[in-house]
Amino acid sequence: QDFWERMRAEFGPLADSFARDHVMSDLGGRSVMEALRDGVDVKD
């Protein structure tokens, strides 16, 4: 819940789109949603 509050504070209405579509190398080439699905700690 804290993670999503921070995401919405930072990205506003684009938070869900960013989480779904933006791939990051620090997440192993995954999006936020993929990393969450794969069990990566939300802090990471």
PDB file of all heavy atoms in Angstrom:
ATOM      1  N   GLN A   1       0.832  -1.202   0.000  1.00  0.00           N
ATOM      2  CA  GLN A   1       0.000   0.000   0.000  1.00  0.00           C
ATOM      3  C   GLN A   1       0.874   1.262   0.000  1.00  0.00           C
ATOM      4  O   GLN A   1       0.594   2.215  -0.724  1.00  0.00           O
ATOM      5  CB  GLN A   1      -0.932   0.014   1.217  1.00  0.00           C
ATOM      6  CG  GLN A   1      -1.807   1.244   1.290  1.00  0.00           C
ATOM      7  CD  GLN A   1      -2.741   1.219   2.496  1.00  0.00           C
ATOM      8  OE1 GLN A   1      -2.938   0.193   3.134  1.00  0.00           O
ATOM      9  NE2 GLN A   1      -3.301   2.363   2.811  1.00  0.00           N
ATOM     10  N   ASP A   2       1.938   1.260   0.792  1.00  0.00           N
ATOM     11  CA  ASP A   2       2.853   2.402   0.825  1.00  0.00           C
ATOM     12  C   ASP A   2       3.524   2.598  -0.534  1.00  0.00           C
ATOM     13  O   ASP A   2       3.696   3.727  -0.994  1.00  0.00           O
ATOM     14  CB  ASP A   2       3.932   2.206   1.890  1.00  0.00           C
ATOM     15  CG  ASP A   2       3.369   2.135   3.296  1.00  0.00           C
ATOM     16  OD1 ASP A   2       2.323   2.780   3.553  1.00  0.00           O
ATOM     17  OD2 ASP A   2       3.959   1.436   4.130  1.00  0.00           O
ATOM     18  N   PHE A   3       3.901   1.498  -1.150  1.00  0.00           N
ATOM     19  CA  PHE A   3       4.519   1.564  -2.471  1.00  0.00           C
ATOM     20  C   PHE A   3       3.588   2.260  -3.462  1.00  0.00           C
ATOM     21  O   PHE A   3       3.994   3.181  -4.176  1.00  0.00           O
ATOM     22  CB  PHE A   3       4.861   0.145  -2.955  1.00  0.00           C
ATOM     23  CG  PHE A   3       5.275   0.105  -4.388  1.00  0.00           C
ATOM     24  CD1 PHE A   3       6.561   0.455  -4.763  1.00  0.00           C
ATOM     25  CD2 PHE A   3       4.374  -0.278  -5.372  1.00  0.00           C
ATOM     26  CE1 PHE A   3       6.946   0.428  -6.095  1.00  0.00           C
ATOM     27  CE2 PHE A   3       4.747  -0.314  -6.702  1.00  0.00           C
ATOM     28  CZ  PHE A   3       6.043   0.043  -7.059  1.00  0.00           C
ATOM     29  N   TRP A   4       2.336   1.822  -3.510  1.00  0.00           N
ATOM     30  CA  TRP A   4       1.398   2.419  -4.472  1.00  0.00           C
ATOM     31  C   TRP A   4       1.086   3.879  -4.137  1.00  0.00           C
ATOM     32  O   TRP A   4       0.885   4.702  -5.046  1.00  0.00           O
ATOM     33  CB  TRP A   4       0.124   1.585  -4.575  1.00  0.00           C
ATOM     34  CG  TRP A   4       0.357   0.367  -5.413  1.00  0.00           C
ATOM     35  CD1 TRP A   4       0.351  -0.928  -4.999  1.00  0.00           C
ATOM     36  CD2 TRP A   4       0.689   0.338  -6.803  1.00  0.00           C
ATOM     37  NE1 TRP A   4       0.652  -1.755  -6.048  1.00  0.00           N
ATOM     38  CE2 TRP A   4       0.867  -1.008  -7.168  1.00  0.00           C
ATOM     39  CE3 TRP A   4       0.860   1.316  -7.783  1.00  0.00           C
ATOM     40  CZ2 TRP A   4       1.193  -1.393  -8.460  1.00  0.00           C
ATOM     41  CZ3 TRP A   4       1.187   0.926  -9.073  1.00  0.00           C
ATOM     42  CH2 TRP A   4       1.348  -0.415  -9.404  1.00  0.00           C
ATOM     43  N   GLU A   5       1.078   4.227  -2.868  1.00  0.00           N
ATOM     44  CA  GLU A   5       0.890   5.634  -2.499  1.00  0.00           C
ATOM     45  C   GLU A   5       2.046   6.476  -3.033  1.00  0.00           C
ATOM     46  O   GLU A   5       1.840   7.570  -3.557  1.00  0.00           O
ATOM     47  CB  GLU A   5       0.772   5.775  -0.984  1.00  0.00           C
ATOM     48  CG  GLU A   5      -0.548   5.286  -0.441  1.00  0.00           C
ATOM     49  CD  GLU A   5      -0.623   5.298   1.078  1.00  0.00           C
ATOM     50  OE1 GLU A   5       0.316   5.794   1.738  1.00  0.00           O
ATOM     51  OE2 GLU A   5      -1.630   4.791   1.611  1.00  0.00           O
ATOM     52  N   ARG A   6       3.267   5.964  -2.915  1.00  0.00           N
ATOM     53  CA  ARG A   6       4.426   6.683  -3.440  1.00  0.00           C
ATOM     54  C   ARG A   6       4.379   6.770  -4.960  1.00  0.00           C
ATOM     55  O   ARG A   6       4.724   7.807  -5.544  1.00  0.00           O
ATOM     56  CB  ARG A   6       5.717   6.000  -3.011  1.00  0.00           C
ATOM     57  CG  ARG A   6       6.000   6.143  -1.544  1.00  0.00           C
ATOM     58  CD  ARG A   6       7.276   5.455  -1.157  1.00  0.00           C
ATOM     59  NE  ARG A   6       7.483   5.514   0.273  1.00  0.00           N
ATOM     60  CZ  ARG A   6       8.621   5.255   0.862  1.00  0.00           C
ATOM     61  NH1 ARG A   6       9.675   4.907   0.154  1.00  0.00           N
ATOM     62  NH2 ARG A   6       8.730   5.333   2.168  1.00  0.00           N
ATOM     63  N   MET A   7       3.979   5.677  -5.600  1.00  0.00           N
ATOM     64  CA  MET A   7       3.873   5.687  -7.064  1.00  0.00           C
ATOM     65  C   MET A   7       2.863   6.735  -7.521  1.00  0.00           C
ATOM     66  O   MET A   7       3.131   7.509  -8.444  1.00  0.00           O
ATOM     67  CB  MET A   7       3.455   4.307  -7.576  1.00  0.00           C
ATOM     68  CG  MET A   7       4.529   3.251  -7.526  1.00  0.00           C
ATOM     69  SD  MET A   7       5.849   3.503  -8.742  1.00  0.00           S
ATOM     70  CE  MET A   7       4.995   3.076 -10.260  1.00  0.00           C
ATOM     71  N   ARG A   8       1.716   6.789  -6.875  1.00  0.00           N
ATOM     72  CA  ARG A   8       0.677   7.756  -7.275  1.00  0.00           C
ATOM     73  C   ARG A   8       1.083   9.181  -6.940  1.00  0.00           C
ATOM     74  O   ARG A   8       0.774  10.104  -7.691  1.00  0.00           O
ATOM     75  CB  ARG A   8      -0.645   7.367  -6.637  1.00  0.00           C
ATOM     76  CG  ARG A   8      -1.200   6.108  -7.280  1.00  0.00           C
ATOM     77  CD  ARG A   8      -2.603   5.742  -6.847  1.00  0.00           C
ATOM     78  NE  ARG A   8      -3.005   4.529  -7.530  1.00  0.00           N
ATOM     79  CZ  ARG A   8      -2.876   3.302  -7.026  1.00  0.00           C
ATOM     80  NH1 ARG A   8      -2.378   3.126  -5.818  1.00  0.00           N
ATOM     81  NH2 ARG A   8      -3.265   2.251  -7.713  1.00  0.00           N
ATOM     82  N   ALA A   9       1.819   9.357  -5.848  1.00  0.00           N
ATOM     83  CA  ALA A   9       2.304  10.696  -5.512  1.00  0.00           C
ATOM     84  C   ALA A   9       3.307  11.178  -6.563  1.00  0.00           C
ATOM     85  O   ALA A   9       3.334  12.358  -6.908  1.00  0.00           O
ATOM     86  CB  ALA A   9       2.938  10.700  -4.126  1.00  0.00           C
ATOM     87  N   GLU A  10       4.123  10.272  -7.061  1.00  0.00           N
ATOM     88  CA  GLU A  10       5.155  10.638  -8.030  1.00  0.00           C
ATOM     89  C   GLU A  10       4.627  10.747  -9.457  1.00  0.00           C
ATOM     90  O   GLU A  10       4.983  11.657 -10.186  1.00  0.00           O
ATOM     91  CB  GLU A  10       6.291   9.604  -7.996  1.00  0.00           C
ATOM     92  CG  GLU A  10       7.472   9.954  -8.857  1.00  0.00           C
ATOM     93  CD  GLU A  10       8.148  11.255  -8.446  1.00  0.00           C
ATOM     94  OE1 GLU A  10       8.222  11.567  -7.244  1.00  0.00           O
ATOM     95  OE2 GLU A  10       8.606  11.985  -9.360  1.00  0.00           O
ATOM     96  N   PHE A  11       3.762   9.831  -9.861  1.00  0.00           N
ATOM     97  CA  PHE A  11       3.333   9.754 -11.254  1.00  0.00           C
ATOM     98  C   PHE A  11       1.883  10.131 -11.497  1.00  0.00           C
ATOM     99  O   PHE A  11       1.440  10.183 -12.650  1.00  0.00           O
ATOM    100  CB  PHE A  11       3.573   8.336 -11.803  1.00  0.00           C
ATOM    101  CG  PHE A  11       5.008   7.923 -11.775  1.00  0.00           C
ATOM    102  CD1 PHE A  11       5.473   7.048 -10.808  1.00  0.00           C
ATOM    103  CD2 PHE A  11       5.914   8.417 -12.705  1.00  0.00           C
ATOM    104  CE1 PHE A  11       6.805   6.661 -10.771  1.00  0.00           C
ATOM    105  CE2 PHE A  11       7.246   8.043 -12.673  1.00  0.00           C
ATOM    106  CZ  PHE A  11       7.695   7.164 -11.704  1.00  0.00           C
ATOM    107  N   GLY A  12       1.141  10.383 -10.433  1.00  0.00           N
ATOM    108  CA  GLY A  12      -0.260  10.755 -10.587  1.00  0.00           C
ATOM    109  C   GLY A  12      -1.041   9.687 -11.342  1.00  0.00           C
ATOM    110  O   GLY A  12      -0.837   8.486 -11.125  1.00  0.00           O
ATOM    111  N   PRO A  13      -1.910  10.111 -12.262  1.00  0.00           N
ATOM    112  CA  PRO A  13      -2.737   9.152 -12.987  1.00  0.00           C
ATOM    113  C   PRO A  13      -1.946   8.233 -13.923  1.00  0.00           C
ATOM    114  O   PRO A  13      -2.498   7.266 -14.447  1.00  0.00           O
ATOM    115  CB  PRO A  13      -3.708  10.027 -13.770  1.00  0.00           C
ATOM    116  CG  PRO A  13      -3.067  11.367 -13.847  1.00  0.00           C
ATOM    117  CD  PRO A  13      -2.189  11.487 -12.641  1.00  0.00           C
ATOM    118  N   LEU A  14      -0.671   8.516 -14.123  1.00  0.00           N
ATOM    119  CA  LEU A  14       0.156   7.673 -14.996  1.00  0.00           C
ATOM    120  C   LEU A  14       0.860   6.549 -14.241  1.00  0.00           C
ATOM    121  O   LEU A  14       1.607   5.768 -14.838  1.00  0.00           O
ATOM    122  CB  LEU A  14       1.189   8.527 -15.720  1.00  0.00           C
ATOM    123  CG  LEU A  14       0.632   9.614 -16.642  1.00  0.00           C
ATOM    124  CD1 LEU A  14       1.757  10.430 -17.242  1.00  0.00           C
ATOM    125  CD2 LEU A  14      -0.234   9.003 -17.722  1.00  0.00           C
ATOM    126  N   ALA A  15       0.632   6.445 -12.940  1.00  0.00           N
ATOM    127  CA  ALA A  15       1.326   5.443 -12.123  1.00  0.00           C
ATOM    128  C   ALA A  15       1.081   4.023 -12.626  1.00  0.00           C
ATOM    129  O   ALA A  15       2.022   3.240 -12.761  1.00  0.00           O
ATOM    130  CB  ALA A  15       0.908   5.564 -10.663  1.00  0.00           C
ATOM    131  N   ASP A  16      -0.159   3.690 -12.929  1.00  0.00           N
ATOM    132  CA  ASP A  16      -0.466   2.332 -13.388  1.00  0.00           C
ATOM    133  C   ASP A  16       0.174   2.051 -14.739  1.00  0.00           C
ATOM    134  O   ASP A  16       0.701   0.965 -14.963  1.00  0.00           O
ATOM    135  CB  ASP A  16      -1.975   2.114 -13.458  1.00  0.00           C
ATOM    136  CG  ASP A  16      -2.625   2.110 -12.083  1.00  0.00           C
ATOM    137  OD1 ASP A  16      -1.935   1.796 -11.089  1.00  0.00           O
ATOM    138  OD2 ASP A  16      -3.822   2.427 -12.005  1.00  0.00           O
ATOM    139  N   SER A  17       0.135   3.029 -15.620  1.00  0.00           N
ATOM    140  CA  SER A  17       0.747   2.860 -16.937  1.00  0.00           C
ATOM    141  C   SER A  17       2.251   2.688 -16.810  1.00  0.00           C
ATOM    142  O   SER A  17       2.844   1.810 -17.455  1.00  0.00           O
ATOM    143  CB  SER A  17       0.423   4.068 -17.817  1.00  0.00           C
ATOM    144  OG  SER A  17       1.062   3.956 -19.055  1.00  0.00           O
ATOM    145  N   PHE A  18       2.884   3.508 -15.991  1.00  0.00           N
ATOM    146  CA  PHE A  18       4.328   3.384 -15.770  1.00  0.00           C
ATOM    147  C   PHE A  18       4.648   1.994 -15.224  1.00  0.00           C
ATOM    148  O   PHE A  18       5.566   1.327 -15.702  1.00  0.00           O
ATOM    149  CB  PHE A  18       4.819   4.464 -14.801  1.00  0.00           C
ATOM    150  CG  PHE A  18       6.288   4.385 -14.512  1.00  0.00           C
ATOM    151  CD1 PHE A  18       7.196   5.064 -15.299  1.00  0.00           C
ATOM    152  CD2 PHE A  18       6.762   3.609 -13.458  1.00  0.00           C
ATOM    153  CE1 PHE A  18       8.567   4.974 -15.040  1.00  0.00           C
ATOM    154  CE2 PHE A  18       8.119   3.517 -13.186  1.00  0.00           C
ATOM    155  CZ  PHE A  18       9.024   4.199 -13.980  1.00  0.00           C
ATOM    156  N   ALA A  19       3.894   1.558 -14.236  1.00  0.00           N
ATOM    157  CA  ALA A  19       4.144   0.265 -13.597  1.00  0.00           C
ATOM    158  C   ALA A  19       3.984  -0.893 -14.582  1.00  0.00           C
ATOM    159  O   ALA A  19       4.686  -1.893 -14.503  1.00  0.00           O
ATOM    160  CB  ALA A  19       3.200   0.074 -12.415  1.00  0.00           C
ATOM    161  N   ARG A  20       3.104  -0.737 -15.512  1.00  0.00           N
ATOM    162  CA  ARG A  20       2.824  -1.791 -16.478  1.00  0.00           C
ATOM    163  C   ARG A  20       3.782  -1.774 -17.666  1.00  0.00           C
ATOM    164  O   ARG A  20       4.183  -2.826 -18.160  1.00  0.00           O
ATOM    165  CB  ARG A  20       1.380  -1.635 -16.961  1.00  0.00           C
ATOM    166  CG  ARG A  20       0.853  -2.740 -17.806  1.00  0.00           C
ATOM    167  CD  ARG A  20      -0.604  -2.520 -18.202  1.00  0.00           C
ATOM    168  NE  ARG A  20      -0.841  -1.212 -18.792  1.00  0.00           N
ATOM    169  CZ  ARG A  20      -1.520  -0.212 -18.211  1.00  0.00           C
ATOM    170  NH1 ARG A  20      -2.029  -0.368 -17.017  1.00  0.00           N
ATOM    171  NH2 ARG A  20      -1.688   0.942 -18.821  1.00  0.00           N
ATOM    172  N   ASP A  21       4.182  -0.575 -18.121  1.00  0.00           N
ATOM    173  CA  ASP A  21       4.863  -0.451 -19.405  1.00  0.00           C
ATOM    174  C   ASP A  21       6.349  -0.127 -19.359  1.00  0.00           C
ATOM    175  O   ASP A  21       7.053  -0.394 -20.324  1.00  0.00           O
ATOM    176  CB  ASP A  21       4.168   0.629 -20.246  1.00  0.00           C
ATOM    177  CG  ASP A  21       2.710   0.313 -20.515  1.00  0.00           C
ATOM    178  OD1 ASP A  21       2.374  -0.887 -20.595  1.00  0.00           O
ATOM    179  OD2 ASP A  21       1.903   1.252 -20.643  1.00  0.00           O
ATOM    180  N   HIS A  22       6.822   0.461 -18.280  1.00  0.00           N
ATOM    181  CA  HIS A  22       8.224   0.906 -18.233  1.00  0.00           C
ATOM    182  C   HIS A  22       9.113  -0.220 -17.705  1.00  0.00           C
ATOM    183  O   HIS A  22       8.935  -0.688 -16.586  1.00  0.00           O
ATOM    184  CB  HIS A  22       8.348   2.152 -17.352  1.00  0.00           C
ATOM    185  CG  HIS A  22       9.695   2.777 -17.396  1.00  0.00           C
ATOM    186  ND1 HIS A  22      10.145   3.482 -18.481  1.00  0.00           N
ATOM    187  CD2 HIS A  22      10.698   2.777 -16.491  1.00  0.00           C
ATOM    188  CE1 HIS A  22      11.380   3.914 -18.237  1.00  0.00           C
ATOM    189  NE2 HIS A  22      11.737   3.490 -17.037  1.00  0.00           N
ATOM    190  N   VAL A  23      10.055  -0.642 -18.524  1.00  0.00           N
ATOM    191  CA  VAL A  23      10.970  -1.728 -18.176  1.00  0.00           C
ATOM    192  C   VAL A  23      12.263  -1.122 -17.642  1.00  0.00           C
ATOM    193  O   VAL A  23      12.779  -0.154 -18.206  1.00  0.00           O
ATOM    194  CB  VAL A  23      11.239  -2.607 -19.414  1.00  0.00           C
ATOM    195  CG1 VAL A  23      12.309  -3.635 -19.142  1.00  0.00           C
ATOM    196  CG2 VAL A  23       9.945  -3.270 -19.873  1.00  0.00           C
ATOM    197  N   MET A  24      12.780  -1.692 -16.551  1.00  0.00           N
ATOM    198  CA  MET A  24      13.991  -1.160 -15.926  1.00  0.00           C
ATOM    199  C   MET A  24      15.056  -2.244 -15.792  1.00  0.00           C
ATOM    200  O   MET A  24      14.760  -3.372 -15.392  1.00  0.00           O
ATOM    201  CB  MET A  24      13.650  -0.590 -14.546  1.00  0.00           C
ATOM    202  CG  MET A  24      12.802   0.664 -14.620  1.00  0.00           C
ATOM    203  SD  MET A  24      12.247   1.209 -13.008  1.00  0.00           S
ATOM    204  CE  MET A  24      10.738   0.271 -12.861  1.00  0.00           C
ATOM    205  N   SER A  25      16.277  -1.868 -16.087  1.00  0.00           N
ATOM    206  CA  SER A  25      17.378  -2.835 -15.998  1.00  0.00           C
ATOM    207  C   SER A  25      17.603  -3.279 -14.552  1.00  0.00           C
ATOM    208  O   SER A  25      17.959  -4.437 -14.313  1.00  0.00           O
ATOM    209  CB  SER A  25      18.662  -2.255 -16.594  1.00  0.00           C
ATOM    210  OG  SER A  25      19.048  -1.081 -15.898  1.00  0.00           O
ATOM    211  N   ASP A  26      17.396  -2.383 -13.584  1.00  0.00           N
ATOM    212  CA  ASP A  26      17.582  -2.758 -12.178  1.00  0.00           C
ATOM    213  C   ASP A  26      16.547  -3.779 -11.699  1.00  0.00           C
ATOM    214  O   ASP A  26      16.692  -4.352 -10.618  1.00  0.00           O
ATOM    215  CB  ASP A  26      17.554  -1.535 -11.270  1.00  0.00           C
ATOM    216  CG  ASP A  26      18.854  -0.754 -11.298  1.00  0.00           C
ATOM    217  OD1 ASP A  26      19.796  -1.186 -11.995  1.00  0.00           O
ATOM    218  OD2 ASP A  26      18.939   0.278 -10.626  1.00  0.00           O
ATOM    219  N   LEU A  27      15.525  -3.986 -12.494  1.00  0.00           N
ATOM    220  CA  LEU A  27      14.534  -5.017 -12.187  1.00  0.00           C
ATOM    221  C   LEU A  27      14.709  -6.227 -13.104  1.00  0.00           C
ATOM    222  O   LEU A  27      13.783  -7.020 -13.298  1.00  0.00           O
ATOM    223  CB  LEU A  27      13.107  -4.463 -12.306  1.00  0.00           C
ATOM    224  CG  LEU A  27      12.712  -3.396 -11.294  1.00  0.00           C
ATOM    225  CD1 LEU A  27      11.307  -2.886 -11.569  1.00  0.00           C
ATOM    226  CD2 LEU A  27      12.827  -3.931  -9.869  1.00  0.00           C
ATOM    227  N   GLY A  28      15.890  -6.335 -13.690  1.00  0.00           N
ATOM    228  CA  GLY A  28      16.174  -7.475 -14.554  1.00  0.00           C
ATOM    229  C   GLY A  28      15.434  -7.426 -15.877  1.00  0.00           C
ATOM    230  O   GLY A  28      15.061  -8.461 -16.409  1.00  0.00           O
ATOM    231  N   GLY A  29      15.217  -6.202 -16.371  1.00  0.00           N
ATOM    232  CA  GLY A  29      14.502  -6.058 -17.634  1.00  0.00           C
ATOM    233  C   GLY A  29      13.004  -6.281 -17.501  1.00  0.00           C
ATOM    234  O   GLY A  29      12.339  -6.647 -18.462  1.00  0.00           O
ATOM    235  N   ARG A  30      12.500  -6.040 -16.310  1.00  0.00           N
ATOM    236  CA  ARG A  30      11.066  -6.219 -16.047  1.00  0.00           C
ATOM    237  C   ARG A  30      10.419  -4.885 -15.730  1.00  0.00           C
ATOM    238  O   ARG A  30      11.073  -3.938 -15.321  1.00  0.00           O
ATOM    239  CB  ARG A  30      10.844  -7.155 -14.854  1.00  0.00           C
ATOM    240  CG  ARG A  30      11.286  -8.569 -15.090  1.00  0.00           C
ATOM    241  CD  ARG A  30      11.101  -9.411 -13.866  1.00  0.00           C
ATOM    242  NE  ARG A  30      12.134  -9.081 -12.892  1.00  0.00           N
ATOM    243  CZ  ARG A  30      12.449  -9.842 -11.862  1.00  0.00           C
ATOM    244  NH1 ARG A  30      11.803 -10.966 -11.642  1.00  0.00           N
ATOM    245  NH2 ARG A  30      13.396  -9.485 -11.038  1.00  0.00           N
ATOM    246  N   SER A  31       9.121  -4.855 -15.862  1.00  0.00           N
ATOM    247  CA  SER A  31       8.335  -3.712 -15.400  1.00  0.00           C
ATOM    248  C   SER A  31       8.049  -3.896 -13.911  1.00  0.00           C
ATOM    249  O   SER A  31       8.290  -4.970 -13.339  1.00  0.00           O
ATOM    250  CB  SER A  31       7.015  -3.642 -16.174  1.00  0.00           C
ATOM    251  OG  SER A  31       6.183  -4.737 -15.824  1.00  0.00           O
ATOM    252  N   VAL A  32       7.508  -2.863 -13.305  1.00  0.00           N
ATOM    253  CA  VAL A  32       7.100  -2.952 -11.900  1.00  0.00           C
ATOM    254  C   VAL A  32       6.106  -4.091 -11.716  1.00  0.00           C
ATOM    255  O   VAL A  32       6.239  -4.908 -10.799  1.00  0.00           O
ATOM    256  CB  VAL A  32       6.489  -1.610 -11.428  1.00  0.00           C
ATOM    257  CG1 VAL A  32       5.753  -1.764 -10.104  1.00  0.00           C
ATOM    258  CG2 VAL A  32       7.559  -0.531 -11.330  1.00  0.00           C
ATOM    259  N   MET A  33       5.122  -4.163 -12.577  1.00  0.00           N
ATOM    260  CA  MET A  33       4.099  -5.198 -12.448  1.00  0.00           C
ATOM    261  C   MET A  33       4.694  -6.596 -12.580  1.00  0.00           C
ATOM    262  O   MET A  33       4.312  -7.508 -11.840  1.00  0.00           O
ATOM    263  CB  MET A  33       2.977  -4.987 -13.467  1.00  0.00           C
ATOM    264  CG  MET A  33       2.199  -3.696 -13.256  1.00  0.00           C
ATOM    265  SD  MET A  33       1.443  -3.547 -11.619  1.00  0.00           S
ATOM    266  CE  MET A  33       0.059  -4.636 -11.816  1.00  0.00           C
ATOM    267  N   GLU A  34       5.610  -6.771 -13.510  1.00  0.00           N
ATOM    268  CA  GLU A  34       6.262  -8.068 -13.669  1.00  0.00           C
ATOM    269  C   GLU A  34       7.094  -8.419 -12.442  1.00  0.00           C
ATOM    270  O   GLU A  34       7.087  -9.565 -11.977  1.00  0.00           O
ATOM    271  CB  GLU A  34       7.131  -8.073 -14.924  1.00  0.00           C
ATOM    272  CG  GLU A  34       6.325  -8.028 -16.208  1.00  0.00           C
ATOM    273  CD  GLU A  34       7.169  -7.746 -17.432  1.00  0.00           C
ATOM    274  OE1 GLU A  34       8.190  -7.014 -17.322  1.00  0.00           O
ATOM    275  OE2 GLU A  34       6.802  -8.239 -18.508  1.00  0.00           O
ATOM    276  N   ALA A  35       7.801  -7.423 -11.907  1.00  0.00           N
ATOM    277  CA  ALA A  35       8.611  -7.659 -10.712  1.00  0.00           C
ATOM    278  C   ALA A  35       7.729  -8.016  -9.519  1.00  0.00           C
ATOM    279  O   ALA A  35       8.059  -8.920  -8.747  1.00  0.00           O
ATOM    280  CB  ALA A  35       9.468  -6.431 -10.407  1.00  0.00           C
ATOM    281  N   LEU A  36       6.606  -7.334  -9.363  1.00  0.00           N
ATOM    282  CA  LEU A  36       5.669  -7.681  -8.293  1.00  0.00           C
ATOM    283  C   LEU A  36       5.154  -9.105  -8.474  1.00  0.00           C
ATOM    284  O   LEU A  36       5.119  -9.884  -7.515  1.00  0.00           O
ATOM    285  CB  LEU A  36       4.488  -6.699  -8.270  1.00  0.00           C
ATOM    286  CG  LEU A  36       4.782  -5.305  -7.743  1.00  0.00           C
ATOM    287  CD1 LEU A  36       3.604  -4.379  -8.018  1.00  0.00           C
ATOM    288  CD2 LEU A  36       5.099  -5.335  -6.257  1.00  0.00           C
ATOM    289  N   ARG A  37       4.796  -9.444  -9.695  1.00  0.00           N
ATOM    290  CA  ARG A  37       4.304 -10.791  -9.991  1.00  0.00           C
ATOM    291  C   ARG A  37       5.346 -11.857  -9.649  1.00  0.00           C
ATOM    292  O   ARG A  37       5.017 -12.934  -9.163  1.00  0.00           O
ATOM    293  CB  ARG A  37       3.925 -10.886 -11.464  1.00  0.00           C
ATOM    294  CG  ARG A  37       3.429 -12.266 -11.891  1.00  0.00           C
ATOM    295  CD  ARG A  37       3.492 -12.482 -13.374  1.00  0.00           C
ATOM    296  NE  ARG A  37       4.892 -12.472 -13.779  1.00  0.00           N
ATOM    297  CZ  ARG A  37       5.321 -12.064 -14.962  1.00  0.00           C
ATOM    298  NH1 ARG A  37       4.487 -11.624 -15.868  1.00  0.00           N
ATOM    299  NH2 ARG A  37       6.610 -12.076 -15.251  1.00  0.00           N
ATOM    300  N   ASP A  38       6.610 -11.507  -9.893  1.00  0.00           N
ATOM    301  CA  ASP A  38       7.702 -12.453  -9.663  1.00  0.00           C
ATOM    302  C   ASP A  38       8.177 -12.483  -8.215  1.00  0.00           C
ATOM    303  O   ASP A  38       9.120 -13.196  -7.877  1.00  0.00           O
ATOM    304  CB  ASP A  38       8.876 -12.131 -10.584  1.00  0.00           C
ATOM    305  CG  ASP A  38       8.557 -12.400 -12.049  1.00  0.00           C
ATOM    306  OD1 ASP A  38       7.543 -13.069 -12.337  1.00  0.00           O
ATOM    307  OD2 ASP A  38       9.320 -11.928 -12.911  1.00  0.00           O
ATOM    308  N   GLY A  39       7.540 -11.695  -7.344  1.00  0.00           N
ATOM    309  CA  GLY A  39       7.841 -11.751  -5.922  1.00  0.00           C
ATOM    310  C   GLY A  39       8.997 -10.882  -5.460  1.00  0.00           C
ATOM    311  O   GLY A  39       9.499 -11.067  -4.350  1.00  0.00           O
ATOM    312  N   VAL A  40       9.420  -9.925  -6.286  1.00  0.00           N
ATOM    313  CA  VAL A  40      10.484  -9.009  -5.866  1.00  0.00           C
ATOM    314  C   VAL A  40       9.947  -8.125  -4.749  1.00  0.00           C
ATOM    315  O   VAL A  40       8.800  -7.663  -4.792  1.00  0.00           O
ATOM    316  CB  VAL A  40      10.962  -8.146  -7.065  1.00  0.00           C
ATOM    317  CG1 VAL A  40      12.004  -7.136  -6.633  1.00  0.00           C
ATOM    318  CG2 VAL A  40      11.497  -9.034  -8.183  1.00  0.00           C
ATOM    319  N   ASP A  41      10.746  -7.921  -3.725  1.00  0.00           N
ATOM    320  CA  ASP A  41      10.346  -7.100  -2.578  1.00  0.00           C
ATOM    321  C   ASP A  41      10.008  -5.684  -3.046  1.00  0.00           C
ATOM    322  O   ASP A  41      10.755  -5.091  -3.824  1.00  0.00           O
ATOM    323  CB  ASP A  41      11.493  -7.070  -1.565  1.00  0.00           C
ATOM    324  CG  ASP A  41      11.089  -6.418  -0.266  1.00  0.00           C
ATOM    325  OD1 ASP A  41      10.935  -5.179  -0.253  1.00  0.00           O
ATOM    326  OD2 ASP A  41      10.940  -7.141   0.727  1.00  0.00           O
ATOM    327  N   VAL A  42       8.902  -5.133  -2.547  1.00  0.00           N
ATOM    328  CA  VAL A  42       8.473  -3.800  -2.978  1.00  0.00           C
ATOM    329  C   VAL A  42       9.507  -2.727  -2.632  1.00  0.00           C
ATOM    330  O   VAL A  42       9.620  -1.730  -3.345  1.00  0.00           O
ATOM    331  CB  VAL A  42       7.076  -3.418  -2.443  1.00  0.00           C
ATOM    332  CG1 VAL A  42       6.009  -4.259  -3.068  1.00  0.00           C
ATOM    333  CG2 VAL A  42       7.012  -3.476  -0.944  1.00  0.00           C
ATOM    334  N   LYS A  43      10.252  -2.926  -1.572  1.00  0.00           N
ATOM    335  CA  LYS A  43      11.312  -1.981  -1.221  1.00  0.00           C
ATOM    336  C   LYS A  43      12.361  -1.926  -2.329  1.00  0.00           C
ATOM    337  O   LYS A  43      12.822  -0.845  -2.704  1.00  0.00           O
ATOM    338  CB  LYS A  43      11.956  -2.402   0.104  1.00  0.00           C
ATOM    339  CG  LYS A  43      13.037  -1.494   0.595  1.00  0.00           C
ATOM    340  CD  LYS A  43      13.580  -2.005   1.928  1.00  0.00           C
ATOM    341  CE  LYS A  43      14.798  -1.207   2.347  1.00  0.00           C
ATOM    342  NZ  LYS A  43      15.388  -1.758   3.573  1.00  0.00           N
ATOM    343  N   ASP A  44      12.710  -3.075  -2.867  1.00  0.00           N
ATOM    344  CA  ASP A  44      13.673  -3.125  -3.966  1.00  0.00           C
ATOM    345  C   ASP A  44      13.094  -2.535  -5.246  1.00  0.00           C
ATOM    346  O   ASP A  44      13.797  -1.876  -6.017  1.00  0.00           O
ATOM    347  CB  ASP A  44      14.131  -4.562  -4.213  1.00  0.00           C
ATOM    348  CG  ASP A  44      14.886  -5.137  -3.026  1.00  0.00           C
ATOM    349  OD1 ASP A  44      15.523  -4.355  -2.271  1.00  0.00           O
ATOM    350  OD2 ASP A  44      14.834  -6.368  -2.832  1.00  0.00           O
TER     351      ASP A  44
END
